[in-house]
Amino acid sequence: MTHIVHPYAHRLGIIRDWKSRWFSGGADFKSRLKGDVLLREYLTKRLRGMYVAALEIERSGGALKLIIKTARPGMLIGRQGEGSARLKGDIEKFLLKRKLPVGDIKVSVEEVRAPESNASVVAQMIAEGLEKRMPFRRILKQTMDKVMANKEVRGVRFALSGRLGGAEMGRRESLKRGSIPLQTFRADVDFAREKAYLPYGVIGVKVWIYRGEIFSDKDAKRGA
C-alpha cells in the first residue's frame, strides 16, 4: 500500500522551515500551541480573497510576531496602514475572547513576487473561479497556462474533487503538465489545499508546483 505524505512536511529541515517558530517549556506550551492553531483558522477565514500565500508565527518571550505573505499587500495594509492596524486589533480581541496569551502583537506584511509560482495563491485563484460558476475545465487550463508561463516552474498538477459542474455524483478530475518529483528531497515542490464553497456543495482543490531543485545552502529552507 502507498503512504501519502505532505510535500511540505516531507522536506522540513532539508529545504523547508517550520511555519511556527518558538520554544516553550512547561504549562504554557499547551495554550501557545492552541493559540497558534486557532489563530491560523481565524486568519484563513478573515483574509479569504486576499491571496495569502503563507502565515508564519514567531514568538519570543511575551511577544507574538505574525508574518503574512500575500500577493495583494495593498488590500491588506490599506490606506496609511489602516487595514493592518484593524487586523492587529481583531487578533487581540480574538485571543482575549478565548482567554489565550496575547502579549505584544506585531503584524508584518510581505509581498509575494511571483504569485503564479506559489501553490497557495494558485489554489485560491482556482477556487475563486469555481465560485464564480465558471466551467472547471476552462479554469484549470487557463490557470495552468499562466503557471507554466513562469520561468521558475518546471511542472504543475491540479486535482479537483466534488460535485463538479453540479453533477449528482461527486468525482475527481486532475490535470498535469511537466514533472512533479515528490520523493526527491531537494526538489522544491510547493503544495496547497483549498475549498470552493458552491450552492450545491464544497469542491476540494489541490495544487502541486515544481520549481526546480535546491542544491546550495543559501537557497535552502525557503518557505512557500
C-alpha atoms as a PDB file:
ATOM      1  CA  MET A   1       0.000   0.000   0.000  1.00  0.00           C
ATOM      2  CA  THR A   2       1.174   3.520  -0.696  1.00  0.00           C
ATOM      3  CA  HIS A   3       1.959   6.005   2.036  1.00  0.00           C
ATOM      4  CA  ILE A   4       0.938   9.555   1.171  1.00  0.00           C
ATOM      5  CA  VAL A   5       2.980  12.307   2.847  1.00  0.00           C
ATOM      6  CA  HIS A   6       2.564  16.077   2.778  1.00  0.00           C
ATOM      7  CA  PRO A   7       5.134  17.542   0.318  1.00  0.00           C
ATOM      8  CA  TYR A   8       5.915  20.405   2.733  1.00  0.00           C
ATOM      9  CA  ALA A   9       6.288  18.277   5.874  1.00  0.00           C
ATOM     10  CA  HIS A  10       8.328  15.725   3.891  1.00  0.00           C
ATOM     11  CA  ARG A  11      11.039  18.383   3.363  1.00  0.00           C
ATOM     12  CA  LEU A  12      11.116  20.014   6.814  1.00  0.00           C
ATOM     13  CA  GLY A  13      14.685  20.585   7.962  1.00  0.00           C
ATOM     14  CA  ILE A  14      16.014  19.931   4.445  1.00  0.00           C
ATOM     15  CA  ILE A  15      14.748  22.754   2.207  1.00  0.00           C
ATOM     16  CA  ARG A  16      11.783  23.909   4.327  1.00  0.00           C
ATOM     17  CA  ASP A  17      11.499  25.671   7.675  1.00  0.00           C
ATOM     18  CA  TRP A  18       8.732  25.498  10.298  1.00  0.00           C
ATOM     19  CA  LYS A  19       5.819  27.932   9.877  1.00  0.00           C
ATOM     20  CA  SER A  20       5.622  28.420  13.664  1.00  0.00           C
ATOM     21  CA  ARG A  21       8.970  29.280  15.263  1.00  0.00           C
ATOM     22  CA  TRP A  22       9.125  29.418  19.064  1.00  0.00           C
ATOM     23  CA  PHE A  23      10.195  27.382  22.066  1.00  0.00           C
ATOM     24  CA  SER A  24       8.295  26.974  25.314  1.00  0.00           C
ATOM     25  CA  GLY A  25       8.601  24.520  28.133  1.00  0.00           C
ATOM     26  CA  GLY A  26       6.132  23.954  30.936  1.00  0.00           C
ATOM     27  CA  ALA A  27       2.440  24.686  31.259  1.00  0.00           C
ATOM     28  CA  ASP A  28       2.195  27.498  28.680  1.00  0.00           C
ATOM     29  CA  PHE A  29       3.142  25.190  25.783  1.00  0.00           C
ATOM     30  CA  LYS A  30      -0.442  23.918  25.541  1.00  0.00           C
ATOM     31  CA  SER A  31      -2.006  27.398  25.466  1.00  0.00           C
ATOM     32  CA  ARG A  32       0.530  28.695  22.921  1.00  0.00           C
ATOM     33  CA  LEU A  33       0.007  25.747  20.593  1.00  0.00           C
ATOM     34  CA  LYS A  34      -3.778  26.099  20.887  1.00  0.00           C
ATOM     35  CA  GLY A  35      -3.409  29.819  20.182  1.00  0.00           C
ATOM     36  CA  ASP A  36      -1.394  29.154  17.001  1.00  0.00           C
ATOM     37  CA  VAL A  37      -3.915  26.631  15.665  1.00  0.00           C
ATOM     38  CA  LEU A  38      -6.973  28.806  16.402  1.00  0.00           C
ATOM     39  CA  LEU A  39      -5.243  31.934  15.067  1.00  0.00           C
ATOM     40  CA  ARG A  40      -4.442  30.198  11.761  1.00  0.00           C
ATOM     41  CA  GLU A  41      -8.058  29.039  11.406  1.00  0.00           C
ATOM     42  CA  TYR A  42      -9.371  32.535  12.157  1.00  0.00           C
ATOM     43  CA  LEU A  43      -6.984  34.313   9.753  1.00  0.00           C
ATOM     44  CA  THR A  44      -7.679  31.804   6.959  1.00  0.00           C
ATOM     45  CA  LYS A  45     -11.354  32.888   7.082  1.00  0.00           C
ATOM     46  CA  ARG A  46     -10.646  36.564   7.848  1.00  0.00           C
ATOM     47  CA  LEU A  47      -8.162  37.033   4.964  1.00  0.00           C
ATOM     48  CA  ARG A  48     -10.032  34.986   2.371  1.00  0.00           C
ATOM     49  CA  GLY A  49      -9.821  36.584  -1.079  1.00  0.00           C
ATOM     50  CA  MET A  50      -6.546  38.426  -0.346  1.00  0.00           C
ATOM     51  CA  TYR A  51      -4.360  35.693  -1.899  1.00  0.00           C
ATOM     52  CA  VAL A  52      -2.437  34.879   1.284  1.00  0.00           C
ATOM     53  CA  ALA A  53       0.478  32.586   0.431  1.00  0.00           C
ATOM     54  CA  ALA A  54       1.686  31.793   3.964  1.00  0.00           C
ATOM     55  CA  LEU A  55       1.086  32.648   7.630  1.00  0.00           C
ATOM     56  CA  GLU A  56       4.179  32.439   9.823  1.00  0.00           C
ATOM     57  CA  ILE A  57       4.156  32.882  13.604  1.00  0.00           C
ATOM     58  CA  GLU A  58       7.191  33.801  15.704  1.00  0.00           C
ATOM     59  CA  ARG A  59       7.132  34.001  19.496  1.00  0.00           C
ATOM     60  CA  SER A  60       9.893  35.347  21.746  1.00  0.00           C
ATOM     61  CA  GLY A  61       9.180  35.984  25.397  1.00  0.00           C
ATOM     62  CA  GLY A  62       5.719  37.555  25.569  1.00  0.00           C
ATOM     63  CA  ALA A  63       5.840  38.948  22.009  1.00  0.00           C
ATOM     64  CA  LEU A  64       3.967  37.464  19.067  1.00  0.00           C
ATOM     65  CA  LYS A  65       5.055  38.338  15.519  1.00  0.00           C
ATOM     66  CA  LEU A  66       2.764  37.425  12.643  1.00  0.00           C
ATOM     67  CA  ILE A  67       4.303  37.370   9.146  1.00  0.00           C
ATOM     68  CA  ILE A  68       1.689  37.407   6.377  1.00  0.00           C
ATOM     69  CA  LYS A  69       2.914  36.702   2.838  1.00  0.00           C
ATOM     70  CA  THR A  70       0.376  37.865   0.290  1.00  0.00           C
ATOM     71  CA  ALA A  71       0.070  38.676  -3.401  1.00  0.00           C
ATOM     72  CA  ARG A  72      -2.209  41.651  -2.558  1.00  0.00           C
ATOM     73  CA  PRO A  73      -0.377  43.603   0.180  1.00  0.00           C
ATOM     74  CA  GLY A  74      -2.193  46.865  -0.666  1.00  0.00           C
ATOM     75  CA  MET A  75      -5.587  45.363   0.158  1.00  0.00           C
ATOM     76  CA  LEU A  76      -4.312  44.062   3.486  1.00  0.00           C
ATOM     77  CA  ILE A  77      -2.378  47.149   4.620  1.00  0.00           C
ATOM     78  CA  GLY A  78      -4.983  49.669   3.435  1.00  0.00           C
ATOM     79  CA  ARG A  79      -4.597  53.448   3.302  1.00  0.00           C
ATOM     80  CA  GLN A  80      -1.904  54.703   5.702  1.00  0.00           C
ATOM     81  CA  GLY A  81      -1.818  51.289   7.397  1.00  0.00           C
ATOM     82  CA  GLU A  82      -5.470  51.297   8.482  1.00  0.00           C
ATOM     83  CA  GLY A  83      -6.032  47.675   7.413  1.00  0.00           C
ATOM     84  CA  SER A  84      -3.057  46.236   9.300  1.00  0.00           C
ATOM     85  CA  ALA A  85      -3.963  48.246  12.454  1.00  0.00           C
ATOM     86  CA  ARG A  86      -7.552  46.939  12.288  1.00  0.00           C
ATOM     87  CA  LEU A  87      -6.269  43.386  11.785  1.00  0.00           C
ATOM     88  CA  LYS A  88      -3.988  43.704  14.825  1.00  0.00           C
ATOM     89  CA  GLY A  89      -6.952  44.870  16.940  1.00  0.00           C
ATOM     90  CA  ASP A  90      -9.115  41.980  15.692  1.00  0.00           C
ATOM     91  CA  ILE A  91      -6.383  39.471  16.580  1.00  0.00           C
ATOM     92  CA  GLU A  92      -6.114  40.893  20.117  1.00  0.00           C
ATOM     93  CA  LYS A  93      -9.894  40.655  20.587  1.00  0.00           C
ATOM     94  CA  PHE A  94      -9.900  37.094  19.215  1.00  0.00           C
ATOM     95  CA  LEU A  95      -7.171  35.918  21.618  1.00  0.00           C
ATOM     96  CA  LEU A  96      -8.694  37.689  24.638  1.00  0.00           C
ATOM     97  CA  LYS A  97     -12.129  36.222  23.915  1.00  0.00           C
ATOM     98  CA  ARG A  98     -10.658  32.719  24.026  1.00  0.00           C
ATOM     99  CA  LYS A  99      -8.522  33.507  27.116  1.00  0.00           C
ATOM    100  CA  LEU A 100      -5.258  32.875  25.261  1.00  0.00           C
ATOM    101  CA  PRO A 101      -1.910  34.656  25.892  1.00  0.00           C
ATOM    102  CA  VAL A 102      -1.834  37.942  23.948  1.00  0.00           C
ATOM    103  CA  GLY A 103       1.376  39.839  24.740  1.00  0.00           C
ATOM    104  CA  ASP A 104       2.895  42.343  22.296  1.00  0.00           C
ATOM    105  CA  ILE A 105       1.480  41.640  18.809  1.00  0.00           C
ATOM    106  CA  LYS A 106       3.316  42.717  15.641  1.00  0.00           C
ATOM    107  CA  VAL A 107       1.895  42.226  12.139  1.00  0.00           C
ATOM    108  CA  SER A 108       4.360  42.172   9.246  1.00  0.00           C
ATOM    109  CA  VAL A 109       3.108  42.019   5.627  1.00  0.00           C
ATOM    110  CA  GLU A 110       5.396  40.690   2.881  1.00  0.00           C
ATOM    111  CA  GLU A 111       4.673  40.742  -0.843  1.00  0.00           C
ATOM    112  CA  VAL A 112       4.866  37.548  -2.917  1.00  0.00           C
ATOM    113  CA  ARG A 113       6.869  38.479  -6.009  1.00  0.00           C
ATOM    114  CA  ALA A 114       5.743  35.638  -8.280  1.00  0.00           C
ATOM    115  CA  PRO A 115       2.183  34.642  -7.242  1.00  0.00           C
ATOM    116  CA  GLU A 116       1.774  32.300 -10.252  1.00  0.00           C
ATOM    117  CA  SER A 117       4.551  30.064  -8.879  1.00  0.00           C
ATOM    118  CA  ASN A 118       3.007  29.841  -5.390  1.00  0.00           C
ATOM    119  CA  ALA A 119       0.689  26.857  -4.855  1.00  0.00           C
ATOM    120  CA  SER A 120      -1.470  28.530  -2.189  1.00  0.00           C
ATOM    121  CA  VAL A 121      -2.194  31.597  -4.355  1.00  0.00           C
ATOM    122  CA  VAL A 122      -2.894  29.451  -7.426  1.00  0.00           C
ATOM    123  CA  ALA A 123      -5.294  27.230  -5.416  1.00  0.00           C
ATOM    124  CA  GLN A 124      -7.178  30.342  -4.281  1.00  0.00           C
ATOM    125  CA  MET A 125      -7.355  31.573  -7.900  1.00  0.00           C
ATOM    126  CA  ILE A 126      -8.926  28.260  -8.964  1.00  0.00           C
ATOM    127  CA  ALA A 127     -11.388  28.290  -6.026  1.00  0.00           C
ATOM    128  CA  GLU A 128     -12.358  31.888  -6.858  1.00  0.00           C
ATOM    129  CA  GLY A 129     -13.072  30.907 -10.474  1.00  0.00           C
ATOM    130  CA  LEU A 130     -15.202  27.947  -9.373  1.00  0.00           C
ATOM    131  CA  GLU A 131     -17.208  30.155  -7.001  1.00  0.00           C
ATOM    132  CA  LYS A 132     -17.923  32.476  -9.953  1.00  0.00           C
ATOM    133  CA  ARG A 133     -19.550  29.421 -11.611  1.00  0.00           C
ATOM    134  CA  MET A 134     -17.059  29.248 -14.489  1.00  0.00           C
ATOM    135  CA  PRO A 135     -16.534  25.850 -16.235  1.00  0.00           C
ATOM    136  CA  PHE A 136     -13.939  23.945 -14.217  1.00  0.00           C
ATOM    137  CA  ARG A 137     -12.016  22.604 -17.250  1.00  0.00           C
ATOM    138  CA  ARG A 138     -11.576  26.104 -18.628  1.00  0.00           C
ATOM    139  CA  ILE A 139     -10.359  27.336 -15.228  1.00  0.00           C
ATOM    140  CA  LEU A 140      -7.797  24.520 -14.959  1.00  0.00           C
ATOM    141  CA  LYS A 141      -6.430  25.023 -18.489  1.00  0.00           C
ATOM    142  CA  GLN A 142      -6.225  28.820 -18.247  1.00  0.00           C
ATOM    143  CA  THR A 143      -4.587  28.699 -14.803  1.00  0.00           C
ATOM    144  CA  MET A 144      -2.116  26.037 -15.950  1.00  0.00           C
ATOM    145  CA  ASP A 145      -1.063  28.217 -18.897  1.00  0.00           C
ATOM    146  CA  LYS A 146      -0.468  31.144 -16.513  1.00  0.00           C
ATOM    147  CA  VAL A 147       1.588  28.982 -14.131  1.00  0.00           C
ATOM    148  CA  MET A 148       3.701  27.320 -16.846  1.00  0.00           C
ATOM    149  CA  ALA A 149       4.464  30.746 -18.371  1.00  0.00           C
ATOM    150  CA  ASN A 150       6.595  31.441 -15.272  1.00  0.00           C
ATOM    151  CA  LYS A 151      10.306  30.710 -15.811  1.00  0.00           C
ATOM    152  CA  GLU A 152      10.755  29.118 -12.359  1.00  0.00           C
ATOM    153  CA  VAL A 153       8.059  26.474 -12.850  1.00  0.00           C
ATOM    154  CA  ARG A 154       9.143  23.053 -14.179  1.00  0.00           C
ATOM    155  CA  GLY A 155       5.908  21.158 -13.584  1.00  0.00           C
ATOM    156  CA  VAL A 156       2.385  21.596 -12.235  1.00  0.00           C
ATOM    157  CA  ARG A 157      -0.507  19.376 -11.230  1.00  0.00           C
ATOM    158  CA  PHE A 158      -4.091  20.257 -10.311  1.00  0.00           C
ATOM    159  CA  ALA A 159      -6.722  17.993  -8.736  1.00  0.00           C
ATOM    160  CA  LEU A 160     -10.402  18.794  -8.145  1.00  0.00           C
ATOM    161  CA  SER A 161     -12.879  16.628  -6.288  1.00  0.00           C
ATOM    162  CA  GLY A 162     -16.572  17.066  -5.530  1.00  0.00           C
ATOM    163  CA  ARG A 163     -19.780  17.727  -7.464  1.00  0.00           C
ATOM    164  CA  LEU A 164     -18.018  19.167 -10.494  1.00  0.00           C
ATOM    165  CA  GLY A 165     -20.346  21.053 -12.803  1.00  0.00           C
ATOM    166  CA  GLY A 166     -23.225  20.481 -10.374  1.00  0.00           C
ATOM    167  CA  ALA A 167     -23.371  16.732 -11.134  1.00  0.00           C
ATOM    168  CA  GLU A 168     -25.373  14.487  -8.801  1.00  0.00           C
ATOM    169  CA  MET A 169     -22.393  12.244  -8.120  1.00  0.00           C
ATOM    170  CA  GLY A 170     -19.056  13.590  -6.907  1.00  0.00           C
ATOM    171  CA  ARG A 171     -15.964  12.757  -8.916  1.00  0.00           C
ATOM    172  CA  ARG A 172     -12.275  13.617  -9.216  1.00  0.00           C
ATOM    173  CA  GLU A 173     -10.580  15.389 -12.121  1.00  0.00           C
ATOM    174  CA  SER A 174      -6.867  16.110 -12.459  1.00  0.00           C
ATOM    175  CA  LEU A 175      -4.568  17.851 -14.927  1.00  0.00           C
ATOM    176  CA  LYS A 176      -0.774  17.608 -15.098  1.00  0.00           C
ATOM    177  CA  ARG A 177       2.000  19.207 -17.118  1.00  0.00           C
ATOM    178  CA  GLY A 178       5.752  18.750 -16.664  1.00  0.00           C
ATOM    179  CA  SER A 179       7.339  16.692 -13.864  1.00  0.00           C
ATOM    180  CA  ILE A 180       6.492  16.550 -10.135  1.00  0.00           C
ATOM    181  CA  PRO A 181       9.263  14.581  -8.308  1.00  0.00           C
ATOM    182  CA  LEU A 182       7.504  14.083  -4.963  1.00  0.00           C
ATOM    183  CA  GLN A 183      10.091  11.693  -3.484  1.00  0.00           C
ATOM    184  CA  THR A 184      13.175  13.867  -4.197  1.00  0.00           C
ATOM    185  CA  PHE A 185      14.053  15.821  -1.040  1.00  0.00           C
ATOM    186  CA  ARG A 186      15.941  18.596  -2.834  1.00  0.00           C
ATOM    187  CA  ALA A 187      13.025  19.139  -5.259  1.00  0.00           C
ATOM    188  CA  ASP A 188      11.265  22.435  -4.490  1.00  0.00           C
ATOM    189  CA  VAL A 189       7.672  21.140  -4.645  1.00  0.00           C
ATOM    190  CA  ASP A 190       5.071  23.577  -3.350  1.00  0.00           C
ATOM    191  CA  PHE A 191       1.691  22.128  -2.323  1.00  0.00           C
ATOM    192  CA  ALA A 192      -1.600  23.660  -1.185  1.00  0.00           C
ATOM    193  CA  ARG A 193      -5.216  22.700  -0.458  1.00  0.00           C
ATOM    194  CA  GLU A 194      -8.214  24.993  -0.859  1.00  0.00           C
ATOM    195  CA  LYS A 195     -12.016  24.725  -0.792  1.00  0.00           C
ATOM    196  CA  ALA A 196     -14.516  26.312  -3.168  1.00  0.00           C
ATOM    197  CA  TYR A 197     -17.895  26.887  -1.498  1.00  0.00           C
ATOM    198  CA  LEU A 198     -20.738  26.434  -4.004  1.00  0.00           C
ATOM    199  CA  PRO A 199     -24.548  26.258  -3.550  1.00  0.00           C
ATOM    200  CA  TYR A 200     -24.575  22.506  -4.252  1.00  0.00           C
ATOM    201  CA  GLY A 201     -21.595  21.617  -2.066  1.00  0.00           C
ATOM    202  CA  VAL A 202     -17.881  22.076  -1.446  1.00  0.00           C
ATOM    203  CA  ILE A 203     -15.261  21.354  -4.122  1.00  0.00           C
ATOM    204  CA  GLY A 204     -11.759  20.473  -2.959  1.00  0.00           C
ATOM    205  CA  VAL A 205      -8.761  21.911  -4.803  1.00  0.00           C
ATOM    206  CA  LYS A 206      -5.198  20.572  -4.629  1.00  0.00           C
ATOM    207  CA  VAL A 207      -2.196  22.163  -6.337  1.00  0.00           C
ATOM    208  CA  TRP A 208       1.373  20.912  -6.767  1.00  0.00           C
ATOM    209  CA  ILE A 209       4.017  23.217  -8.316  1.00  0.00           C
ATOM    210  CA  TYR A 210       7.588  22.060  -9.002  1.00  0.00           C
ATOM    211  CA  ARG A 211      10.114  24.924  -9.102  1.00  0.00           C
ATOM    212  CA  GLY A 212      13.369  23.063  -9.748  1.00  0.00           C
ATOM    213  CA  GLU A 213      15.947  21.614  -7.362  1.00  0.00           C
ATOM    214  CA  ILE A 214      17.728  23.350  -4.482  1.00  0.00           C
ATOM    215  CA  PHE A 215      21.408  22.496  -4.014  1.00  0.00           C
ATOM    216  CA  SER A 216      23.101  25.437  -2.243  1.00  0.00           C
ATOM    217  CA  ASP A 217      22.602  26.238   1.450  1.00  0.00           C
ATOM    218  CA  LYS A 218      21.844  29.886   0.591  1.00  0.00           C
ATOM    219  CA  ASP A 219      18.630  28.944  -1.221  1.00  0.00           C
ATOM    220  CA  ALA A 220      17.662  26.233   1.271  1.00  0.00           C
ATOM    221  CA  LYS A 221      14.768  26.426   3.707  1.00  0.00           C
ATOM    222  CA  ARG A 222      12.831  28.944   1.675  1.00  0.00           C
ATOM    223  CA  GLY A 223       9.170  28.741   2.621  1.00  0.00           C
ATOM    224  CA  ALA A 224       6.111  28.746   0.472  1.00  0.00           C
END
